[in-house]
């Protein structure tokens, strides 16, 4: 297993090198000018200001030379300086990533728990009313656009019912968390700040619900189809013939064998959450990587764009590795060399 993990980690280096080339090339080939996106019209009319701006950010050099400089700095742990914020990209990612990670974790908890539970109930009560309702919900989850669903949820729960705050991670008038992990829920528990915990949970519920709804639909459908297939196998019929309780047959025997494809869907869903939450973060004013990536793209902030892309690529590789390891934990027949 250790050799397998080391081999996968070595391949990660090659993958990240390829990602850096693609992202750097594509972002710099966009037919637009960073100077025009960041300077005022008055400054753009002065060639000396434009030339000084391009020289400051290395935009006056050939593309291949810009890439070599970027890679040389990256190997030293320097991801460059953000054109938009003027701060090191690494510092920006450290600031924004915990918010996105916390939101993704809560969204996946929602998606996995409700998705597996719904899939099991749908399979057990196949073609009955509860199955029809749960299948409708799962289809809605994978069909509804996240930005539209976010607006509907916010309008109803924040505007009409006023049950939840309409945006942000926490009420800045009451709390100003500094230090810790950057994950407000964990920090609040560690510090014993129960008021902070309540407020952070109130802010995270709706965006996590919206973000996890799509993945929940996928997990529900995958669990249902796999469980139906597993429950038709001979060893399940044998267990029933021996008089084993139906709940133990489903939860103790059938579900274990049906979970491997579900784990794949859940893992990829988690990666998709990290890379595709721009709209949800924007609507709920969530200060995470999604908003940072959006603002970086609109201002052609090349170092920040590359930094976010590499971070998401690392997440995909690590999550895929964890999924493969988890396969061996769930199914003893799977072994890696």
C-alpha atoms as a PDB file:
ATOM      1  CA  UNK A   1       0.000   0.000   0.000  1.00  0.00           C
ATOM      2  CA  UNK A   2       2.832   2.424   0.871  1.00  0.00           C
ATOM      3  CA  UNK A   3       4.501   1.836  -2.500  1.00  0.00           C
ATOM      4  CA  UNK A   4       1.191   2.475  -4.229  1.00  0.00           C
ATOM      5  CA  UNK A   5       0.675   5.772  -2.355  1.00  0.00           C
ATOM      6  CA  UNK A   6       4.224   6.953  -3.131  1.00  0.00           C
ATOM      7  CA  UNK A   7       3.745   6.079  -6.805  1.00  0.00           C
ATOM      8  CA  UNK A   8       0.508   8.052  -6.931  1.00  0.00           C
ATOM      9  CA  UNK A   9       2.134  11.037  -5.239  1.00  0.00           C
ATOM     10  CA  UNK A  10       4.978  11.003  -7.761  1.00  0.00           C
ATOM     11  CA  UNK A  11       2.454  10.999 -10.590  1.00  0.00           C
ATOM     12  CA  UNK A  12       0.787  13.986  -8.922  1.00  0.00           C
ATOM     13  CA  UNK A  13       3.925  16.034  -9.585  1.00  0.00           C
ATOM     14  CA  UNK A  14       3.724  15.234 -13.304  1.00  0.00           C
ATOM     15  CA  UNK A  15       0.011  16.049 -13.366  1.00  0.00           C
ATOM     16  CA  UNK A  16       0.487  19.403 -11.640  1.00  0.00           C
ATOM     17  CA  UNK A  17       3.264  20.272 -14.078  1.00  0.00           C
ATOM     18  CA  UNK A  18       0.898  19.613 -16.980  1.00  0.00           C
ATOM     19  CA  UNK A  19      -1.887  21.593 -15.308  1.00  0.00           C
ATOM     20  CA  UNK A  20       0.437  24.558 -14.764  1.00  0.00           C
ATOM     21  CA  UNK A  21       1.368  24.610 -18.460  1.00  0.00           C
ATOM     22  CA  UNK A  22      -2.242  24.427 -19.634  1.00  0.00           C
ATOM     23  CA  UNK A  23      -3.591  27.004 -17.185  1.00  0.00           C
ATOM     24  CA  UNK A  24      -0.715  29.418 -17.770  1.00  0.00           C
ATOM     25  CA  UNK A  25      -1.015  29.167 -21.544  1.00  0.00           C
ATOM     26  CA  UNK A  26      -4.822  29.402 -21.715  1.00  0.00           C
ATOM     27  CA  UNK A  27      -5.071  32.303 -19.243  1.00  0.00           C
ATOM     28  CA  UNK A  28      -2.440  34.300 -21.132  1.00  0.00           C
ATOM     29  CA  UNK A  29      -3.976  33.587 -24.530  1.00  0.00           C
ATOM     30  CA  UNK A  30      -7.269  35.236 -23.632  1.00  0.00           C
ATOM     31  CA  UNK A  31      -7.762  38.101 -26.123  1.00  0.00           C
ATOM     32  CA  UNK A  32      -7.753  40.819 -23.472  1.00  0.00           C
ATOM     33  CA  UNK A  33      -5.310  43.110 -21.731  1.00  0.00           C
ATOM     34  CA  UNK A  34      -4.719  43.002 -17.957  1.00  0.00           C
ATOM     35  CA  UNK A  35      -3.732  46.660 -18.068  1.00  0.00           C
ATOM     36  CA  UNK A  36      -7.132  47.553 -19.561  1.00  0.00           C
ATOM     37  CA  UNK A  37      -8.870  45.480 -16.877  1.00  0.00           C
ATOM     38  CA  UNK A  38      -7.039  47.096 -13.949  1.00  0.00           C
ATOM     39  CA  UNK A  39      -6.038  50.638 -14.970  1.00  0.00           C
ATOM     40  CA  UNK A  40      -8.291  53.637 -15.309  1.00  0.00           C
ATOM     41  CA  UNK A  41      -9.012  55.162 -18.690  1.00  0.00           C
ATOM     42  CA  UNK A  42      -6.781  58.118 -17.877  1.00  0.00           C
ATOM     43  CA  UNK A  43      -3.866  55.806 -17.070  1.00  0.00           C
ATOM     44  CA  UNK A  44      -4.473  53.797 -20.242  1.00  0.00           C
ATOM     45  CA  UNK A  45      -4.056  56.937 -22.306  1.00  0.00           C
ATOM     46  CA  UNK A  46      -0.515  57.366 -20.957  1.00  0.00           C
ATOM     47  CA  UNK A  47       1.868  54.887 -22.693  1.00  0.00           C
ATOM     48  CA  UNK A  48       4.491  55.319 -19.946  1.00  0.00           C
ATOM     49  CA  UNK A  49       2.049  54.208 -17.232  1.00  0.00           C
ATOM     50  CA  UNK A  50       0.974  51.197 -19.300  1.00  0.00           C
ATOM     51  CA  UNK A  51       4.595  50.244 -19.994  1.00  0.00           C
ATOM     52  CA  UNK A  52       5.495  50.578 -16.309  1.00  0.00           C
ATOM     53  CA  UNK A  53       2.493  48.434 -15.343  1.00  0.00           C
ATOM     54  CA  UNK A  54       3.432  45.680 -17.807  1.00  0.00           C
ATOM     55  CA  UNK A  55       7.073  45.772 -16.685  1.00  0.00           C
ATOM     56  CA  UNK A  56       6.062  45.526 -13.018  1.00  0.00           C
ATOM     57  CA  UNK A  57       4.051  42.352 -13.602  1.00  0.00           C
ATOM     58  CA  UNK A  58       6.382  40.874 -16.227  1.00  0.00           C
ATOM     59  CA  UNK A  59       3.793  41.168 -19.010  1.00  0.00           C
ATOM     60  CA  UNK A  60       6.350  42.720 -21.371  1.00  0.00           C
ATOM     61  CA  UNK A  61       8.326  39.468 -21.540  1.00  0.00           C
ATOM     62  CA  UNK A  62       7.659  36.578 -23.982  1.00  0.00           C
ATOM     63  CA  UNK A  63       5.162  34.009 -22.752  1.00  0.00           C
ATOM     64  CA  UNK A  64       7.697  31.204 -22.384  1.00  0.00           C
ATOM     65  CA  UNK A  65       9.963  33.444 -20.308  1.00  0.00           C
ATOM     66  CA  UNK A  66       7.035  34.413 -18.080  1.00  0.00           C
ATOM     67  CA  UNK A  67       6.293  30.703 -17.544  1.00  0.00           C
ATOM     68  CA  UNK A  68       9.895  29.832 -16.654  1.00  0.00           C
ATOM     69  CA  UNK A  69       9.970  32.654 -14.102  1.00  0.00           C
ATOM     70  CA  UNK A  70       6.646  31.478 -12.672  1.00  0.00           C
ATOM     71  CA  UNK A  71       7.812  27.859 -12.368  1.00  0.00           C
ATOM     72  CA  UNK A  72      11.136  28.901 -10.816  1.00  0.00           C
ATOM     73  CA  UNK A  73       9.248  30.829  -8.143  1.00  0.00           C
ATOM     74  CA  UNK A  74       6.679  28.051  -7.714  1.00  0.00           C
ATOM     75  CA  UNK A  75       9.402  25.495  -6.973  1.00  0.00           C
ATOM     76  CA  UNK A  76      10.514  27.810  -4.166  1.00  0.00           C
ATOM     77  CA  UNK A  77       6.973  27.863  -2.744  1.00  0.00           C
ATOM     78  CA  UNK A  78       6.167  31.278  -4.217  1.00  0.00           C
ATOM     79  CA  UNK A  79       2.944  31.369  -6.268  1.00  0.00           C
ATOM     80  CA  UNK A  80       3.480  34.992  -7.220  1.00  0.00           C
ATOM     81  CA  UNK A  81       1.722  38.193  -6.244  1.00  0.00           C
ATOM     82  CA  UNK A  82      -1.916  38.830  -7.046  1.00  0.00           C
ATOM     83  CA  UNK A  83      -2.362  41.709  -9.496  1.00  0.00           C
ATOM     84  CA  UNK A  84      -5.752  42.554  -8.004  1.00  0.00           C
ATOM     85  CA  UNK A  85      -4.994  42.423  -4.269  1.00  0.00           C
ATOM     86  CA  UNK A  86      -1.263  43.124  -4.320  1.00  0.00           C
ATOM     87  CA  UNK A  87      -0.736  40.287  -1.814  1.00  0.00           C
ATOM     88  CA  UNK A  88       1.080  36.959  -2.262  1.00  0.00           C
ATOM     89  CA  UNK A  89      -1.284  34.459  -3.875  1.00  0.00           C
ATOM     90  CA  UNK A  90      -0.369  31.910  -1.217  1.00  0.00           C
ATOM     91  CA  UNK A  91      -1.607  34.274   1.497  1.00  0.00           C
ATOM     92  CA  UNK A  92      -4.843  34.890  -0.394  1.00  0.00           C
ATOM     93  CA  UNK A  93      -5.464  31.145  -0.766  1.00  0.00           C
ATOM     94  CA  UNK A  94      -4.800  30.619   2.940  1.00  0.00           C
ATOM     95  CA  UNK A  95      -7.369  33.298   3.699  1.00  0.00           C
ATOM     96  CA  UNK A  96     -10.139  32.161   1.338  1.00  0.00           C
ATOM     97  CA  UNK A  97      -9.694  28.383   1.189  1.00  0.00           C
ATOM     98  CA  UNK A  98     -10.868  27.591   4.772  1.00  0.00           C
ATOM     99  CA  UNK A  99     -14.253  29.192   4.035  1.00  0.00           C
ATOM    100  CA  UNK A 100     -14.694  27.079   0.905  1.00  0.00           C
ATOM    101  CA  UNK A 101     -13.443  23.932   2.637  1.00  0.00           C
ATOM    102  CA  UNK A 102     -15.862  24.391   5.542  1.00  0.00           C
ATOM    103  CA  UNK A 103     -18.792  24.973   3.195  1.00  0.00           C
ATOM    104  CA  UNK A 104     -17.842  21.941   1.091  1.00  0.00           C
ATOM    105  CA  UNK A 105     -17.575  19.686   4.161  1.00  0.00           C
ATOM    106  CA  UNK A 106     -21.029  20.655   5.383  1.00  0.00           C
ATOM    107  CA  UNK A 107     -22.480  20.299   1.890  1.00  0.00           C
ATOM    108  CA  UNK A 108     -20.994  16.804   1.583  1.00  0.00           C
ATOM    109  CA  UNK A 109     -22.261  15.761   5.019  1.00  0.00           C
ATOM    110  CA  UNK A 110     -25.728  16.805   3.901  1.00  0.00           C
ATOM    111  CA  UNK A 111     -25.354  15.109   0.513  1.00  0.00           C
ATOM    112  CA  UNK A 112     -23.914  11.815   1.822  1.00  0.00           C
ATOM    113  CA  UNK A 113     -26.235  11.329   4.806  1.00  0.00           C
ATOM    114  CA  UNK A 114     -29.463  12.241   3.015  1.00  0.00           C
ATOM    115  CA  UNK A 115     -28.330  10.747  -0.286  1.00  0.00           C
ATOM    116  CA  UNK A 116     -27.523   7.298   1.114  1.00  0.00           C
ATOM    117  CA  UNK A 117     -30.584   7.283   3.356  1.00  0.00           C
ATOM    118  CA  UNK A 118     -32.840   8.294   0.476  1.00  0.00           C
ATOM    119  CA  UNK A 119     -31.232   5.739  -1.847  1.00  0.00           C
ATOM    120  CA  UNK A 120     -31.711   2.918   0.662  1.00  0.00           C
ATOM    121  CA  UNK A 121     -35.354   3.837   1.326  1.00  0.00           C
ATOM    122  CA  UNK A 122     -36.004   4.169  -2.391  1.00  0.00           C
ATOM    123  CA  UNK A 123     -34.552   0.705  -3.061  1.00  0.00           C
ATOM    124  CA  UNK A 124     -36.272  -0.989  -0.128  1.00  0.00           C
ATOM    125  CA  UNK A 125     -39.675   0.485  -1.053  1.00  0.00           C
ATOM    126  CA  UNK A 126     -39.189   0.118  -4.788  1.00  0.00           C
ATOM    127  CA  UNK A 127     -42.070   1.457  -6.946  1.00  0.00           C
ATOM    128  CA  UNK A 128     -44.019   2.552  -3.874  1.00  0.00           C
ATOM    129  CA  UNK A 129     -45.064   6.192  -3.192  1.00  0.00           C
ATOM    130  CA  UNK A 130     -41.984   6.953  -1.085  1.00  0.00           C
ATOM    131  CA  UNK A 131     -39.793   5.666  -3.923  1.00  0.00           C
ATOM    132  CA  UNK A 132     -41.554   7.942  -6.408  1.00  0.00           C
ATOM    133  CA  UNK A 133     -41.132  10.982  -4.147  1.00  0.00           C
ATOM    134  CA  UNK A 134     -37.446  10.327  -3.490  1.00  0.00           C
ATOM    135  CA  UNK A 135     -36.721   9.695  -7.163  1.00  0.00           C
ATOM    136  CA  UNK A 136     -38.421  12.982  -8.018  1.00  0.00           C
ATOM    137  CA  UNK A 137     -36.280  14.793  -5.450  1.00  0.00           C
ATOM    138  CA  UNK A 138     -33.095  13.172  -6.753  1.00  0.00           C
ATOM    139  CA  UNK A 139     -33.912  14.080 -10.358  1.00  0.00           C
ATOM    140  CA  UNK A 140     -34.632  17.643  -9.240  1.00  0.00           C
ATOM    141  CA  UNK A 141     -31.274  17.759  -7.492  1.00  0.00           C
ATOM    142  CA  UNK A 142     -29.326  16.945 -10.646  1.00  0.00           C
ATOM    143  CA  UNK A 143     -31.559  19.066 -12.904  1.00  0.00           C
ATOM    144  CA  UNK A 144     -32.102  22.393 -11.143  1.00  0.00           C
ATOM    145  CA  UNK A 145     -29.466  25.075 -11.838  1.00  0.00           C
ATOM    146  CA  UNK A 146     -27.645  25.840  -8.601  1.00  0.00           C
ATOM    147  CA  UNK A 147     -27.860  29.621  -9.018  1.00  0.00           C
ATOM    148  CA  UNK A 148     -31.656  29.475  -9.556  1.00  0.00           C
ATOM    149  CA  UNK A 149     -32.135  27.120  -6.610  1.00  0.00           C
ATOM    150  CA  UNK A 150     -29.957  29.377  -4.449  1.00  0.00           C
ATOM    151  CA  UNK A 151     -32.079  32.420  -5.291  1.00  0.00           C
ATOM    152  CA  UNK A 152     -35.312  30.537  -4.537  1.00  0.00           C
ATOM    153  CA  UNK A 153     -34.011  29.203  -1.222  1.00  0.00           C
ATOM    154  CA  UNK A 154     -32.688  32.613  -0.177  1.00  0.00           C
ATOM    155  CA  UNK A 155     -35.935  34.358  -1.152  1.00  0.00           C
ATOM    156  CA  UNK A 156     -38.081  31.897   0.813  1.00  0.00           C
ATOM    157  CA  UNK A 157     -36.036  31.178   3.937  1.00  0.00           C
ATOM    158  CA  UNK A 158     -34.311  34.559   4.279  1.00  0.00           C
ATOM    159  CA  UNK A 159     -36.844  36.927   2.761  1.00  0.00           C
ATOM    160  CA  UNK A 160     -40.256  35.391   3.489  1.00  0.00           C
ATOM    161  CA  UNK A 161     -39.673  33.315   6.640  1.00  0.00           C
ATOM    162  CA  UNK A 162     -36.598  35.226   7.895  1.00  0.00           C
ATOM    163  CA  UNK A 163     -35.237  32.054   9.495  1.00  0.00           C
ATOM    164  CA  UNK A 164     -31.638  32.483   8.336  1.00  0.00           C
ATOM    165  CA  UNK A 165     -29.251  35.360   7.576  1.00  0.00           C
ATOM    166  CA  UNK A 166     -29.028  36.255   3.907  1.00  0.00           C
ATOM    167  CA  UNK A 167     -25.278  36.082   3.422  1.00  0.00           C
ATOM    168  CA  UNK A 168     -21.750  35.968   4.794  1.00  0.00           C
ATOM    169  CA  UNK A 169     -20.022  33.494   7.106  1.00  0.00           C
ATOM    170  CA  UNK A 170     -20.721  35.196  10.415  1.00  0.00           C
ATOM    171  CA  UNK A 171     -22.167  38.414  11.823  1.00  0.00           C
ATOM    172  CA  UNK A 172     -19.163  40.808  11.855  1.00  0.00           C
ATOM    173  CA  UNK A 173     -20.936  43.059  14.372  1.00  0.00           C
ATOM    174  CA  UNK A 174     -20.828  40.288  16.977  1.00  0.00           C
ATOM    175  CA  UNK A 175     -17.762  38.211  16.143  1.00  0.00           C
ATOM    176  CA  UNK A 176     -14.357  38.771  14.579  1.00  0.00           C
ATOM    177  CA  UNK A 177     -12.647  35.355  14.579  1.00  0.00           C
ATOM    178  CA  UNK A 178      -8.873  35.507  14.182  1.00  0.00           C
ATOM    179  CA  UNK A 179      -6.360  32.700  14.323  1.00  0.00           C
ATOM    180  CA  UNK A 180      -7.393  29.093  14.703  1.00  0.00           C
ATOM    181  CA  UNK A 181      -8.025  26.868  11.719  1.00  0.00           C
ATOM    182  CA  UNK A 182     -10.172  29.335   9.782  1.00  0.00           C
ATOM    183  CA  UNK A 183     -13.048  26.845   9.998  1.00  0.00           C
ATOM    184  CA  UNK A 184     -15.442  28.832  12.160  1.00  0.00           C
ATOM    185  CA  UNK A 185     -17.520  25.884  13.393  1.00  0.00           C
ATOM    186  CA  UNK A 186     -14.465  23.937  14.557  1.00  0.00           C
ATOM    187  CA  UNK A 187     -12.864  27.046  16.039  1.00  0.00           C
ATOM    188  CA  UNK A 188     -16.052  27.957  17.920  1.00  0.00           C
ATOM    189  CA  UNK A 189     -16.212  24.479  19.465  1.00  0.00           C
ATOM    190  CA  UNK A 190     -12.498  24.536  20.343  1.00  0.00           C
ATOM    191  CA  UNK A 191     -12.799  27.978  21.948  1.00  0.00           C
ATOM    192  CA  UNK A 192     -16.096  27.226  23.690  1.00  0.00           C
ATOM    193  CA  UNK A 193     -17.757  30.163  21.891  1.00  0.00           C
ATOM    194  CA  UNK A 194     -21.280  28.778  21.668  1.00  0.00           C
ATOM    195  CA  UNK A 195     -22.778  32.030  20.425  1.00  0.00           C
ATOM    196  CA  UNK A 196     -20.261  32.056  17.579  1.00  0.00           C
ATOM    197  CA  UNK A 197     -21.077  28.393  16.867  1.00  0.00           C
ATOM    198  CA  UNK A 198     -24.797  29.123  16.619  1.00  0.00           C
ATOM    199  CA  UNK A 199     -24.246  32.127  14.362  1.00  0.00           C
ATOM    200  CA  UNK A 200     -21.798  30.331  12.030  1.00  0.00           C
ATOM    201  CA  UNK A 201     -24.150  27.336  11.712  1.00  0.00           C
ATOM    202  CA  UNK A 202     -27.048  29.682  10.885  1.00  0.00           C
ATOM    203  CA  UNK A 203     -24.983  31.222   8.080  1.00  0.00           C
ATOM    204  CA  UNK A 204     -23.744  27.938   6.623  1.00  0.00           C
ATOM    205  CA  UNK A 205     -27.004  25.935   6.501  1.00  0.00           C
ATOM    206  CA  UNK A 206     -28.549  27.407   3.350  1.00  0.00           C
ATOM    207  CA  UNK A 207     -25.448  27.562   1.117  1.00  0.00           C
ATOM    208  CA  UNK A 208     -24.520  24.019   2.199  1.00  0.00           C
ATOM    209  CA  UNK A 209     -28.044  22.831   1.375  1.00  0.00           C
ATOM    210  CA  UNK A 210     -27.946  24.426  -2.070  1.00  0.00           C
ATOM    211  CA  UNK A 211     -24.424  23.256  -2.808  1.00  0.00           C
ATOM    212  CA  UNK A 212     -25.024  19.685  -1.658  1.00  0.00           C
ATOM    213  CA  UNK A 213     -28.400  19.254  -3.352  1.00  0.00           C
ATOM    214  CA  UNK A 214     -26.877  18.293  -6.712  1.00  0.00           C
ATOM    215  CA  UNK A 215     -24.479  15.738  -5.203  1.00  0.00           C
ATOM    216  CA  UNK A 216     -27.271  14.381  -2.993  1.00  0.00           C
ATOM    217  CA  UNK A 217     -29.313  13.638  -6.113  1.00  0.00           C
ATOM    218  CA  UNK A 218     -26.404  11.758  -7.680  1.00  0.00           C
ATOM    219  CA  UNK A 219     -25.724   9.748  -4.520  1.00  0.00           C
ATOM    220  CA  UNK A 220     -29.424   8.874  -4.124  1.00  0.00           C
ATOM    221  CA  UNK A 221     -29.687   7.522  -7.656  1.00  0.00           C
ATOM    222  CA  UNK A 222     -26.372   5.669  -7.450  1.00  0.00           C
ATOM    223  CA  UNK A 223     -27.215   4.105  -4.081  1.00  0.00           C
ATOM    224  CA  UNK A 224     -30.660   3.017  -5.257  1.00  0.00           C
ATOM    225  CA  UNK A 225     -29.473   1.374  -8.476  1.00  0.00           C
ATOM    226  CA  UNK A 226     -26.489  -0.374  -6.832  1.00  0.00           C
ATOM    227  CA  UNK A 227     -28.537  -1.580  -3.876  1.00  0.00           C
ATOM    228  CA  UNK A 228     -31.273  -3.004  -6.115  1.00  0.00           C
ATOM    229  CA  UNK A 229     -28.644  -4.903  -8.081  1.00  0.00           C
ATOM    230  CA  UNK A 230     -26.913  -6.173  -4.939  1.00  0.00           C
ATOM    231  CA  UNK A 231     -30.166  -7.289  -3.287  1.00  0.00           C
ATOM    232  CA  UNK A 232     -30.893  -9.576  -6.215  1.00  0.00           C
ATOM    233  CA  UNK A 233     -27.708 -11.609  -5.664  1.00  0.00           C
ATOM    234  CA  UNK A 234     -27.612 -15.156  -4.324  1.00  0.00           C
ATOM    235  CA  UNK A 235     -25.945 -14.401  -0.983  1.00  0.00           C
ATOM    236  CA  UNK A 236     -28.703 -11.906  -0.129  1.00  0.00           C
ATOM    237  CA  UNK A 237     -31.382 -14.504  -0.889  1.00  0.00           C
ATOM    238  CA  UNK A 238     -29.450 -17.000   1.253  1.00  0.00           C
ATOM    239  CA  UNK A 239     -29.330 -14.556   4.173  1.00  0.00           C
ATOM    240  CA  UNK A 240     -33.073 -14.021   3.920  1.00  0.00           C
ATOM    241  CA  UNK A 241     -33.702 -17.767   3.705  1.00  0.00           C
ATOM    242  CA  UNK A 242     -31.801 -18.222   6.978  1.00  0.00           C
ATOM    243  CA  UNK A 243     -34.262 -15.896   8.667  1.00  0.00           C
ATOM    244  CA  UNK A 244     -31.973 -12.895   9.016  1.00  0.00           C
ATOM    245  CA  UNK A 245     -33.760  -9.620   9.746  1.00  0.00           C
ATOM    246  CA  UNK A 246     -34.374  -7.465   6.672  1.00  0.00           C
ATOM    247  CA  UNK A 247     -32.719  -4.425   8.270  1.00  0.00           C
ATOM    248  CA  UNK A 248     -29.538  -6.423   8.873  1.00  0.00           C
ATOM    249  CA  UNK A 249     -29.625  -7.801   5.340  1.00  0.00           C
ATOM    250  CA  UNK A 250     -29.873  -4.308   3.879  1.00  0.00           C
ATOM    251  CA  UNK A 251     -27.582  -2.330   6.188  1.00  0.00           C
ATOM    252  CA  UNK A 252     -25.121  -5.072   7.157  1.00  0.00           C
ATOM    253  CA  UNK A 253     -24.671  -6.992   3.927  1.00  0.00           C
ATOM    254  CA  UNK A 254     -26.114  -5.401   0.799  1.00  0.00           C
ATOM    255  CA  UNK A 255     -25.141  -1.794   1.478  1.00  0.00           C
ATOM    256  CA  UNK A 256     -21.431  -2.547   1.994  1.00  0.00           C
ATOM    257  CA  UNK A 257     -21.108  -4.015  -1.491  1.00  0.00           C
ATOM    258  CA  UNK A 258     -23.189  -1.216  -3.001  1.00  0.00           C
ATOM    259  CA  UNK A 259     -21.106   1.584  -1.490  1.00  0.00           C
ATOM    260  CA  UNK A 260     -17.984   1.496  -3.676  1.00  0.00           C
ATOM    261  CA  UNK A 261     -19.528   3.316  -6.678  1.00  0.00           C
ATOM    262  CA  UNK A 262     -21.240   5.672  -4.222  1.00  0.00           C
ATOM    263  CA  UNK A 263     -17.863   6.573  -2.696  1.00  0.00           C
ATOM    264  CA  UNK A 264     -16.590   7.455  -6.177  1.00  0.00           C
ATOM    265  CA  UNK A 265     -19.571   9.723  -6.793  1.00  0.00           C
ATOM    266  CA  UNK A 266     -19.196  11.353  -3.365  1.00  0.00           C
ATOM    267  CA  UNK A 267     -15.464  11.950  -3.849  1.00  0.00           C
ATOM    268  CA  UNK A 268     -15.907  13.515  -7.260  1.00  0.00           C
ATOM    269  CA  UNK A 269     -18.814  15.507  -5.889  1.00  0.00           C
ATOM    270  CA  UNK A 270     -16.561  16.948  -3.199  1.00  0.00           C
ATOM    271  CA  UNK A 271     -14.002  18.021  -5.813  1.00  0.00           C
ATOM    272  CA  UNK A 272     -16.724  19.557  -7.950  1.00  0.00           C
ATOM    273  CA  UNK A 273     -17.935  21.527  -4.936  1.00  0.00           C
ATOM    274  CA  UNK A 274     -14.499  23.058  -4.449  1.00  0.00           C
ATOM    275  CA  UNK A 275     -14.133  23.911  -8.110  1.00  0.00           C
ATOM    276  CA  UNK A 276     -17.656  24.920  -9.050  1.00  0.00           C
ATOM    277  CA  UNK A 277     -19.162  26.985  -6.247  1.00  0.00           C
ATOM    278  CA  UNK A 278     -18.684  30.402  -7.850  1.00  0.00           C
ATOM    279  CA  UNK A 279     -22.402  31.143  -8.230  1.00  0.00           C
ATOM    280  CA  UNK A 280     -23.382  29.893  -4.788  1.00  0.00           C
ATOM    281  CA  UNK A 281     -20.611  31.837  -3.059  1.00  0.00           C
ATOM    282  CA  UNK A 282     -21.500  34.937  -5.026  1.00  0.00           C
ATOM    283  CA  UNK A 283     -25.213  34.747  -4.193  1.00  0.00           C
ATOM    284  CA  UNK A 284     -24.656  34.052  -0.495  1.00  0.00           C
ATOM    285  CA  UNK A 285     -21.702  36.491  -0.217  1.00  0.00           C
ATOM    286  CA  UNK A 286     -19.540  33.630   0.999  1.00  0.00           C
ATOM    287  CA  UNK A 287     -15.886  34.788   1.120  1.00  0.00           C
ATOM    288  CA  UNK A 288     -14.316  31.687  -0.367  1.00  0.00           C
ATOM    289  CA  UNK A 289     -12.237  30.479  -3.291  1.00  0.00           C
ATOM    290  CA  UNK A 290     -15.203  30.776  -5.661  1.00  0.00           C
ATOM    291  CA  UNK A 291     -15.500  34.525  -5.172  1.00  0.00           C
ATOM    292  CA  UNK A 292     -11.731  34.908  -5.276  1.00  0.00           C
ATOM    293  CA  UNK A 293     -11.538  32.989  -8.566  1.00  0.00           C
ATOM    294  CA  UNK A 294     -14.390  35.018 -10.060  1.00  0.00           C
ATOM    295  CA  UNK A 295     -12.813  38.370  -9.217  1.00  0.00           C
ATOM    296  CA  UNK A 296      -9.416  37.130 -10.405  1.00  0.00           C
ATOM    297  CA  UNK A 297     -10.851  36.042 -13.745  1.00  0.00           C
ATOM    298  CA  UNK A 298     -12.682  39.337 -14.334  1.00  0.00           C
ATOM    299  CA  UNK A 299      -9.459  41.311 -13.713  1.00  0.00           C
ATOM    300  CA  UNK A 300      -7.188  38.869 -15.598  1.00  0.00           C
ATOM    301  CA  UNK A 301      -5.183  38.259 -12.442  1.00  0.00           C
ATOM    302  CA  UNK A 302      -2.925  35.584 -13.943  1.00  0.00           C
ATOM    303  CA  UNK A 303      -1.011  34.567 -10.778  1.00  0.00           C
ATOM    304  CA  UNK A 304      -4.258  34.175  -8.828  1.00  0.00           C
ATOM    305  CA  UNK A 305      -5.931  32.200 -11.638  1.00  0.00           C
ATOM    306  CA  UNK A 306      -2.976  29.803 -11.783  1.00  0.00           C
ATOM    307  CA  UNK A 307      -2.910  29.502  -7.995  1.00  0.00           C
ATOM    308  CA  UNK A 308      -6.589  28.590  -7.743  1.00  0.00           C
ATOM    309  CA  UNK A 309      -6.291  26.110 -10.615  1.00  0.00           C
ATOM    310  CA  UNK A 310      -3.315  24.351  -9.014  1.00  0.00           C
ATOM    311  CA  UNK A 311      -5.111  24.205  -5.661  1.00  0.00           C
ATOM    312  CA  UNK A 312      -8.158  22.559  -7.247  1.00  0.00           C
ATOM    313  CA  UNK A 313      -5.922  20.145  -9.184  1.00  0.00           C
ATOM    314  CA  UNK A 314      -4.166  19.105  -5.949  1.00  0.00           C
ATOM    315  CA  UNK A 315      -7.565  18.579  -4.331  1.00  0.00           C
ATOM    316  CA  UNK A 316      -8.700  16.292  -7.157  1.00  0.00           C
ATOM    317  CA  UNK A 317      -5.541  14.184  -6.953  1.00  0.00           C
ATOM    318  CA  UNK A 318      -5.615  13.870  -3.151  1.00  0.00           C
ATOM    319  CA  UNK A 319      -9.332  13.035  -3.044  1.00  0.00           C
ATOM    320  CA  UNK A 320      -8.904  10.414  -5.767  1.00  0.00           C
ATOM    321  CA  UNK A 321      -6.081   8.834  -3.773  1.00  0.00           C
ATOM    322  CA  UNK A 322      -8.200   8.793  -0.603  1.00  0.00           C
ATOM    323  CA  UNK A 323     -11.069   7.185  -2.536  1.00  0.00           C
ATOM    324  CA  UNK A 324      -8.808   4.398  -3.793  1.00  0.00           C
ATOM    325  CA  UNK A 325      -7.518   3.774  -0.262  1.00  0.00           C
ATOM    326  CA  UNK A 326     -11.067   3.732   1.075  1.00  0.00           C
ATOM    327  CA  UNK A 327     -11.981   1.048  -1.471  1.00  0.00           C
ATOM    328  CA  UNK A 328      -9.585  -1.325   0.268  1.00  0.00           C
ATOM    329  CA  UNK A 329     -11.044  -0.470   3.678  1.00  0.00           C
ATOM    330  CA  UNK A 330     -14.620  -1.227   2.613  1.00  0.00           C
ATOM    331  CA  UNK A 331     -13.893  -4.230   0.390  1.00  0.00           C
ATOM    332  CA  UNK A 332     -11.146  -6.575   1.744  1.00  0.00           C
ATOM    333  CA  UNK A 333     -10.838  -8.169  -1.701  1.00  0.00           C
ATOM    334  CA  UNK A 334      -9.228  -4.986  -3.054  1.00  0.00           C
ATOM    335  CA  UNK A 335      -5.497  -4.772  -2.460  1.00  0.00           C
ATOM    336  CA  UNK A 336      -2.923  -2.406  -3.977  1.00  0.00           C
ATOM    337  CA  UNK A 337       0.653  -3.294  -4.780  1.00  0.00           C
END
